[in-house]
Amino acid sequence: MDQKPINPARIIGIFLVVFAACVLLAIPVSPTMAGKLTNLICGAVIGLVGGGFLIASRTDKAKH
């Protein structure tokens, strides 16, 4: 029963990337240009942070 240890960085990364996708999908629903721009910027930043967590989880796995 060798179970792989849970990698918290990978879980957080997946959550953030999915959340960023939801924010980006909300862009057309926003009625104002300011709302659309806010959703675009927030979705991009959250997605980049989530991607960073995913990359960090892969490099952290390689060290062990």
PDB file of N, CA and C in Angstrom:
ATOM      1  N   MET A   1       0.821  -1.182   0.000  1.00  0.00           N
ATOM      2  CA  MET A   1       0.000   0.000   0.000  1.00  0.00           C
ATOM      3  C   MET A   1       0.873   1.258   0.000  1.00  0.00           C
ATOM      4  N   ASP A   2       1.657   1.411  -1.036  1.00  0.00           N
ATOM      5  CA  ASP A   2       2.463   2.616  -1.157  1.00  0.00           C
ATOM      6  C   ASP A   2       1.609   3.729  -1.754  1.00  0.00           C
ATOM      7  N   GLN A   3       1.254   4.668  -0.920  1.00  0.00           N
ATOM      8  CA  GLN A   3       0.488   5.812  -1.387  1.00  0.00           C
ATOM      9  C   GLN A   3       1.417   6.997  -1.536  1.00  0.00           C
ATOM     10  N   LYS A   4       1.182   7.757  -2.595  1.00  0.00           N
ATOM     11  CA  LYS A   4       1.992   8.952  -2.818  1.00  0.00           C
ATOM     12  C   LYS A   4       1.595  10.019  -1.797  1.00  0.00           C
ATOM     13  N   PRO A   5       2.571  10.756  -1.300  1.00  0.00           N
ATOM     14  CA  PRO A   5       2.214  11.831  -0.373  1.00  0.00           C
ATOM     15  C   PRO A   5       1.478  12.956  -1.093  1.00  0.00           C
ATOM     16  N   ILE A   6       0.592  13.619  -0.377  1.00  0.00           N
ATOM     17  CA  ILE A   6      -0.166  14.717  -0.949  1.00  0.00           C
ATOM     18  C   ILE A   6       0.751  15.936  -1.069  1.00  0.00           C
ATOM     19  N   ASN A   7       0.776  16.516  -2.250  1.00  0.00           N
ATOM     20  CA  ASN A   7       1.599  17.687  -2.488  1.00  0.00           C
ATOM     21  C   ASN A   7       0.710  18.933  -2.400  1.00  0.00           C
ATOM     22  N   PRO A   8       0.815  19.710  -1.300  1.00  0.00           N
ATOM     23  CA  PRO A   8      -0.068  20.864  -1.133  1.00  0.00           C
ATOM     24  C   PRO A   8       0.091  21.913  -2.231  1.00  0.00           C
ATOM     25  N   ALA A   9       1.299  22.110  -2.735  1.00  0.00           N
ATOM     26  CA  ALA A   9       1.508  23.114  -3.784  1.00  0.00           C
ATOM     27  C   ALA A   9       0.735  22.740  -5.049  1.00  0.00           C
ATOM     28  N   ARG A  10       0.673  21.461  -5.366  1.00  0.00           N
ATOM     29  CA  ARG A  10      -0.063  21.015  -6.559  1.00  0.00           C
ATOM     30  C   ARG A  10      -1.562  21.237  -6.388  1.00  0.00           C
ATOM     31  N   ILE A  11      -2.080  20.942  -5.213  1.00  0.00           N
ATOM     32  CA  ILE A  11      -3.509  21.117  -4.957  1.00  0.00           C
ATOM     33  C   ILE A  11      -3.878  22.598  -5.039  1.00  0.00           C
ATOM     34  N   ILE A  12      -3.068  23.458  -4.421  1.00  0.00           N
ATOM     35  CA  ILE A  12      -3.327  24.894  -4.458  1.00  0.00           C
ATOM     36  C   ILE A  12      -3.227  25.407  -5.898  1.00  0.00           C
ATOM     37  N   GLY A  13      -2.244  24.930  -6.640  1.00  0.00           N
ATOM     38  CA  GLY A  13      -2.079  25.342  -8.029  1.00  0.00           C
ATOM     39  C   GLY A  13      -3.270  24.971  -8.887  1.00  0.00           C
ATOM     40  N   ILE A  14      -3.758  23.757  -8.730  1.00  0.00           N
ATOM     41  CA  ILE A  14      -4.924  23.321  -9.505  1.00  0.00           C
ATOM     42  C   ILE A  14      -6.142  24.172  -9.161  1.00  0.00           C
ATOM     43  N   PHE A  15      -6.338  24.415  -7.859  1.00  0.00           N
ATOM     44  CA  PHE A  15      -7.473  25.241  -7.438  1.00  0.00           C
ATOM     45  C   PHE A  15      -7.381  26.640  -8.040  1.00  0.00           C
ATOM     46  N   LEU A  16      -6.206  27.250  -7.984  1.00  0.00           N
ATOM     47  CA  LEU A  16      -6.056  28.612  -8.491  1.00  0.00           C
ATOM     48  C   LEU A  16      -6.245  28.686  -9.998  1.00  0.00           C
ATOM     49  N   VAL A  17      -5.757  27.697 -10.721  1.00  0.00           N
ATOM     50  CA  VAL A  17      -5.929  27.698 -12.178  1.00  0.00           C
ATOM     51  C   VAL A  17      -7.408  27.530 -12.544  1.00  0.00           C
ATOM     52  N   VAL A  18      -8.117  26.657 -11.831  1.00  0.00           N
ATOM     53  CA  VAL A  18      -9.553  26.482 -12.095  1.00  0.00           C
ATOM     54  C   VAL A  18     -10.320  27.758 -11.742  1.00  0.00           C
ATOM     55  N   PHE A  19      -9.958  28.371 -10.612  1.00  0.00           N
ATOM     56  CA  PHE A  19     -10.617  29.614 -10.209  1.00  0.00           C
ATOM     57  C   PHE A  19     -10.345  30.726 -11.226  1.00  0.00           C
ATOM     58  N   ALA A  20      -9.118  30.796 -11.727  1.00  0.00           N
ATOM     59  CA  ALA A  20      -8.782  31.803 -12.738  1.00  0.00           C
ATOM     60  C   ALA A  20      -9.593  31.577 -14.014  1.00  0.00           C
ATOM     61  N   ALA A  21      -9.785  30.327 -14.378  1.00  0.00           N
ATOM     62  CA  ALA A  21     -10.592  30.032 -15.566  1.00  0.00           C
ATOM     63  C   ALA A  21     -12.032  30.505 -15.370  1.00  0.00           C
ATOM     64  N   CYS A  22     -12.560  30.329 -14.170  1.00  0.00           N
ATOM     65  CA  CYS A  22     -13.921  30.803 -13.880  1.00  0.00           C
ATOM     66  C   CYS A  22     -14.000  32.323 -13.974  1.00  0.00           C
ATOM     67  N   VAL A  23     -13.005  33.008 -13.447  1.00  0.00           N
ATOM     68  CA  VAL A  23     -12.983  34.472 -13.512  1.00  0.00           C
ATOM     69  C   VAL A  23     -12.885  34.927 -14.959  1.00  0.00           C
ATOM     70  N   LEU A  24     -12.046  34.268 -15.741  1.00  0.00           N
ATOM     71  CA  LEU A  24     -11.898  34.649 -17.150  1.00  0.00           C
ATOM     72  C   LEU A  24     -13.170  34.363 -17.949  1.00  0.00           C
ATOM     73  N   LEU A  25     -13.873  33.300 -17.581  1.00  0.00           N
ATOM     74  CA  LEU A  25     -15.131  32.995 -18.274  1.00  0.00           C
ATOM     75  C   LEU A  25     -16.227  34.000 -17.932  1.00  0.00           C
ATOM     76  N   ALA A  26     -16.050  34.751 -16.845  1.00  0.00           N
ATOM     77  CA  ALA A  26     -17.040  35.747 -16.440  1.00  0.00           C
ATOM     78  C   ALA A  26     -16.860  37.075 -17.169  1.00  0.00           C
ATOM     79  N   ILE A  27     -15.839  37.191 -17.996  1.00  0.00           N
ATOM     80  CA  ILE A  27     -15.589  38.459 -18.692  1.00  0.00           C
ATOM     81  C   ILE A  27     -16.782  38.875 -19.567  1.00  0.00           C
ATOM     82  N   PRO A  28     -17.350  38.006 -20.384  1.00  0.00           N
ATOM     83  CA  PRO A  28     -18.465  38.453 -21.234  1.00  0.00           C
ATOM     84  C   PRO A  28     -19.722  38.827 -20.445  1.00  0.00           C
ATOM     85  N   VAL A  29     -19.849  38.317 -19.228  1.00  0.00           N
ATOM     86  CA  VAL A  29     -21.043  38.577 -18.428  1.00  0.00           C
ATOM     87  C   VAL A  29     -21.000  39.970 -17.809  1.00  0.00           C
ATOM     88  N   SER A  30     -19.805  40.503 -17.618  1.00  0.00           N
ATOM     89  CA  SER A  30     -19.656  41.827 -16.993  1.00  0.00           C
ATOM     90  C   SER A  30     -20.263  42.908 -17.888  1.00  0.00           C
ATOM     91  N   PRO A  31     -21.097  43.778 -17.318  1.00  0.00           N
ATOM     92  CA  PRO A  31     -21.757  44.779 -18.162  1.00  0.00           C
ATOM     93  C   PRO A  31     -20.877  45.975 -18.527  1.00  0.00           C
ATOM     94  N   THR A  32     -19.880  46.281 -17.688  1.00  0.00           N
ATOM     95  CA  THR A  32     -19.075  47.476 -17.949  1.00  0.00           C
ATOM     96  C   THR A  32     -17.682  47.097 -18.432  1.00  0.00           C
ATOM     97  N   MET A  33     -17.044  48.033 -19.083  1.00  0.00           N
ATOM     98  CA  MET A  33     -15.676  47.813 -19.553  1.00  0.00           C
ATOM     99  C   MET A  33     -14.715  47.688 -18.374  1.00  0.00           C
ATOM    100  N   ALA A  34     -14.964  48.462 -17.320  1.00  0.00           N
ATOM    101  CA  ALA A  34     -14.112  48.380 -16.128  1.00  0.00           C
ATOM    102  C   ALA A  34     -14.212  46.991 -15.495  1.00  0.00           C
ATOM    103  N   GLY A  35     -15.405  46.428 -15.463  1.00  0.00           N
ATOM    104  CA  GLY A  35     -15.591  45.083 -14.917  1.00  0.00           C
ATOM    105  C   GLY A  35     -14.890  44.037 -15.761  1.00  0.00           C
ATOM    106  N   LYS A  36     -14.967  44.185 -17.068  1.00  0.00           N
ATOM    107  CA  LYS A  36     -14.301  43.241 -17.968  1.00  0.00           C
ATOM    108  C   LYS A  36     -12.788  43.305 -17.799  1.00  0.00           C
ATOM    109  N   LEU A  37     -12.269  44.530 -17.695  1.00  0.00           N
ATOM    110  CA  LEU A  37     -10.828  44.704 -17.523  1.00  0.00           C
ATOM    111  C   LEU A  37     -10.362  44.154 -16.173  1.00  0.00           C
ATOM    112  N   THR A  38     -11.167  44.371 -15.133  1.00  0.00           N
ATOM    113  CA  THR A  38     -10.846  43.846 -13.810  1.00  0.00           C
ATOM    114  C   THR A  38     -10.819  42.326 -13.828  1.00  0.00           C
ATOM    115  N   ASN A  39     -11.818  41.707 -14.446  1.00  0.00           N
ATOM    116  CA  ASN A  39     -11.845  40.249 -14.535  1.00  0.00           C
ATOM    117  C   ASN A  39     -10.654  39.713 -15.314  1.00  0.00           C
ATOM    118  N   LEU A  40     -10.280  40.405 -16.383  1.00  0.00           N
ATOM    119  CA  LEU A  40      -9.142  39.970 -17.187  1.00  0.00           C
ATOM    120  C   LEU A  40      -7.845  40.022 -16.380  1.00  0.00           C
ATOM    121  N   ILE A  41      -7.630  41.140 -15.698  1.00  0.00           N
ATOM    122  CA  ILE A  41      -6.387  41.289 -14.930  1.00  0.00           C
ATOM    123  C   ILE A  41      -6.349  40.300 -13.758  1.00  0.00           C
ATOM    124  N   CYS A  42      -7.445  40.212 -13.019  1.00  0.00           N
ATOM    125  CA  CYS A  42      -7.484  39.293 -11.870  1.00  0.00           C
ATOM    126  C   CYS A  42      -7.333  37.840 -12.315  1.00  0.00           C
ATOM    127  N   GLY A  43      -8.027  37.467 -13.385  1.00  0.00           N
ATOM    128  CA  GLY A  43      -7.910  36.103 -13.882  1.00  0.00           C
ATOM    129  C   GLY A  43      -6.501  35.773 -14.331  1.00  0.00           C
ATOM    130  N   ALA A  44      -5.852  36.735 -14.980  1.00  0.00           N
ATOM    131  CA  ALA A  44      -4.480  36.505 -15.440  1.00  0.00           C
ATOM    132  C   ALA A  44      -3.517  36.377 -14.265  1.00  0.00           C
ATOM    133  N   VAL A  45      -3.657  37.243 -13.269  1.00  0.00           N
ATOM    134  CA  VAL A  45      -2.764  37.192 -12.110  1.00  0.00           C
ATOM    135  C   VAL A  45      -2.967  35.898 -11.327  1.00  0.00           C
ATOM    136  N   ILE A  46      -4.218  35.540 -11.082  1.00  0.00           N
ATOM    137  CA  ILE A  46      -4.502  34.305 -10.343  1.00  0.00           C
ATOM    138  C   ILE A  46      -3.993  33.096 -11.128  1.00  0.00           C
ATOM    139  N   GLY A  47      -4.175  33.110 -12.445  1.00  0.00           N
ATOM    140  CA  GLY A  47      -3.684  32.010 -13.276  1.00  0.00           C
ATOM    141  C   GLY A  47      -2.170  31.891 -13.253  1.00  0.00           C
ATOM    142  N   LEU A  48      -1.482  33.024 -13.269  1.00  0.00           N
ATOM    143  CA  LEU A  48      -0.019  32.990 -13.204  1.00  0.00           C
ATOM    144  C   LEU A  48       0.471  32.468 -11.859  1.00  0.00           C
ATOM    145  N   VAL A  49      -0.180  32.891 -10.790  1.00  0.00           N
ATOM    146  CA  VAL A  49       0.204  32.383  -9.464  1.00  0.00           C
ATOM    147  C   VAL A  49      -0.065  30.883  -9.377  1.00  0.00           C
ATOM    148  N   GLY A  50      -1.220  30.445  -9.889  1.00  0.00           N
ATOM    149  CA  GLY A  50      -1.531  29.014  -9.897  1.00  0.00           C
ATOM    150  C   GLY A  50      -0.549  28.220 -10.743  1.00  0.00           C
ATOM    151  N   GLY A  51      -0.177  28.777 -11.886  1.00  0.00           N
ATOM    152  CA  GLY A  51       0.827  28.123 -12.722  1.00  0.00           C
ATOM    153  C   GLY A  51       2.171  28.036 -12.025  1.00  0.00           C
ATOM    154  N   GLY A  52       2.517  29.083 -11.288  1.00  0.00           N
ATOM    155  CA  GLY A  52       3.760  29.066 -10.503  1.00  0.00           C
ATOM    156  C   GLY A  52       3.744  27.969  -9.451  1.00  0.00           C
ATOM    157  N   PHE A  53       2.597  27.805  -8.798  1.00  0.00           N
ATOM    158  CA  PHE A  53       2.475  26.729  -7.810  1.00  0.00           C
ATOM    159  C   PHE A  53       2.617  25.368  -8.472  1.00  0.00           C
ATOM    160  N   LEU A  54       2.026  25.208  -9.659  1.00  0.00           N
ATOM    161  CA  LEU A  54       2.132  23.922 -10.356  1.00  0.00           C
ATOM    162  C   LEU A  54       3.564  23.637 -10.771  1.00  0.00           C
ATOM    163  N   ILE A  55       4.247  24.645 -11.267  1.00  0.00           N
ATOM    164  CA  ILE A  55       5.648  24.453 -11.650  1.00  0.00           C
ATOM    165  C   ILE A  55       6.494  24.151 -10.425  1.00  0.00           C
ATOM    166  N   ALA A  56       6.239  24.873  -9.335  1.00  0.00           N
ATOM    167  CA  ALA A  56       6.986  24.631  -8.101  1.00  0.00           C
ATOM    168  C   ALA A  56       6.740  23.232  -7.564  1.00  0.00           C
ATOM    169  N   SER A  57       5.531  22.728  -7.725  1.00  0.00           N
ATOM    170  CA  SER A  57       5.240  21.376  -7.222  1.00  0.00           C
ATOM    171  C   SER A  57       5.977  20.321  -8.053  1.00  0.00           C
ATOM    172  N   ARG A  58       6.173  20.585  -9.339  1.00  0.00           N
ATOM    173  CA  ARG A  58       6.922  19.632 -10.169  1.00  0.00           C
ATOM    174  C   ARG A  58       8.416  19.639  -9.835  1.00  0.00           C
ATOM    175  N   THR A  59       8.961  20.831  -9.652  1.00  0.00           N
ATOM    176  CA  THR A  59      10.398  20.911  -9.345  1.00  0.00           C
ATOM    177  C   THR A  59      10.665  20.409  -7.935  1.00  0.00           C
ATOM    178  N   ASP A  60       9.718  20.603  -7.018  1.00  0.00           N
ATOM    179  CA  ASP A  60       9.863  20.107  -5.660  1.00  0.00           C
ATOM    180  C   ASP A  60       9.841  18.583  -5.653  1.00  0.00           C
ATOM    181  N   LYS A  61       9.024  17.996  -6.521  1.00  0.00           N
ATOM    182  CA  LYS A  61       8.932  16.530  -6.628  1.00  0.00           C
ATOM    183  C   LYS A  61      10.255  15.943  -7.148  1.00  0.00           C
ATOM    184  N   ALA A  62      10.892  16.668  -8.077  1.00  0.00           N
ATOM    185  CA  ALA A  62      12.135  16.171  -8.662  1.00  0.00           C
ATOM    186  C   ALA A  62      13.275  16.150  -7.632  1.00  0.00           C
ATOM    187  N   LYS A  63      13.216  17.007  -6.628  1.00  0.00           N
ATOM    188  CA  LYS A  63      14.264  17.067  -5.626  1.00  0.00           C
ATOM    189  C   LYS A  63      14.245  15.867  -4.692  1.00  0.00           C
ATOM    190  N   HIS A  64      13.055  15.262  -4.522  1.00  0.00           N
ATOM    191  CA  HIS A  64      12.945  14.149  -3.565  1.00  0.00           C
ATOM    192  C   HIS A  64      13.257  12.841  -4.201  1.00  0.00           C
TER     193      HIS A  64
END
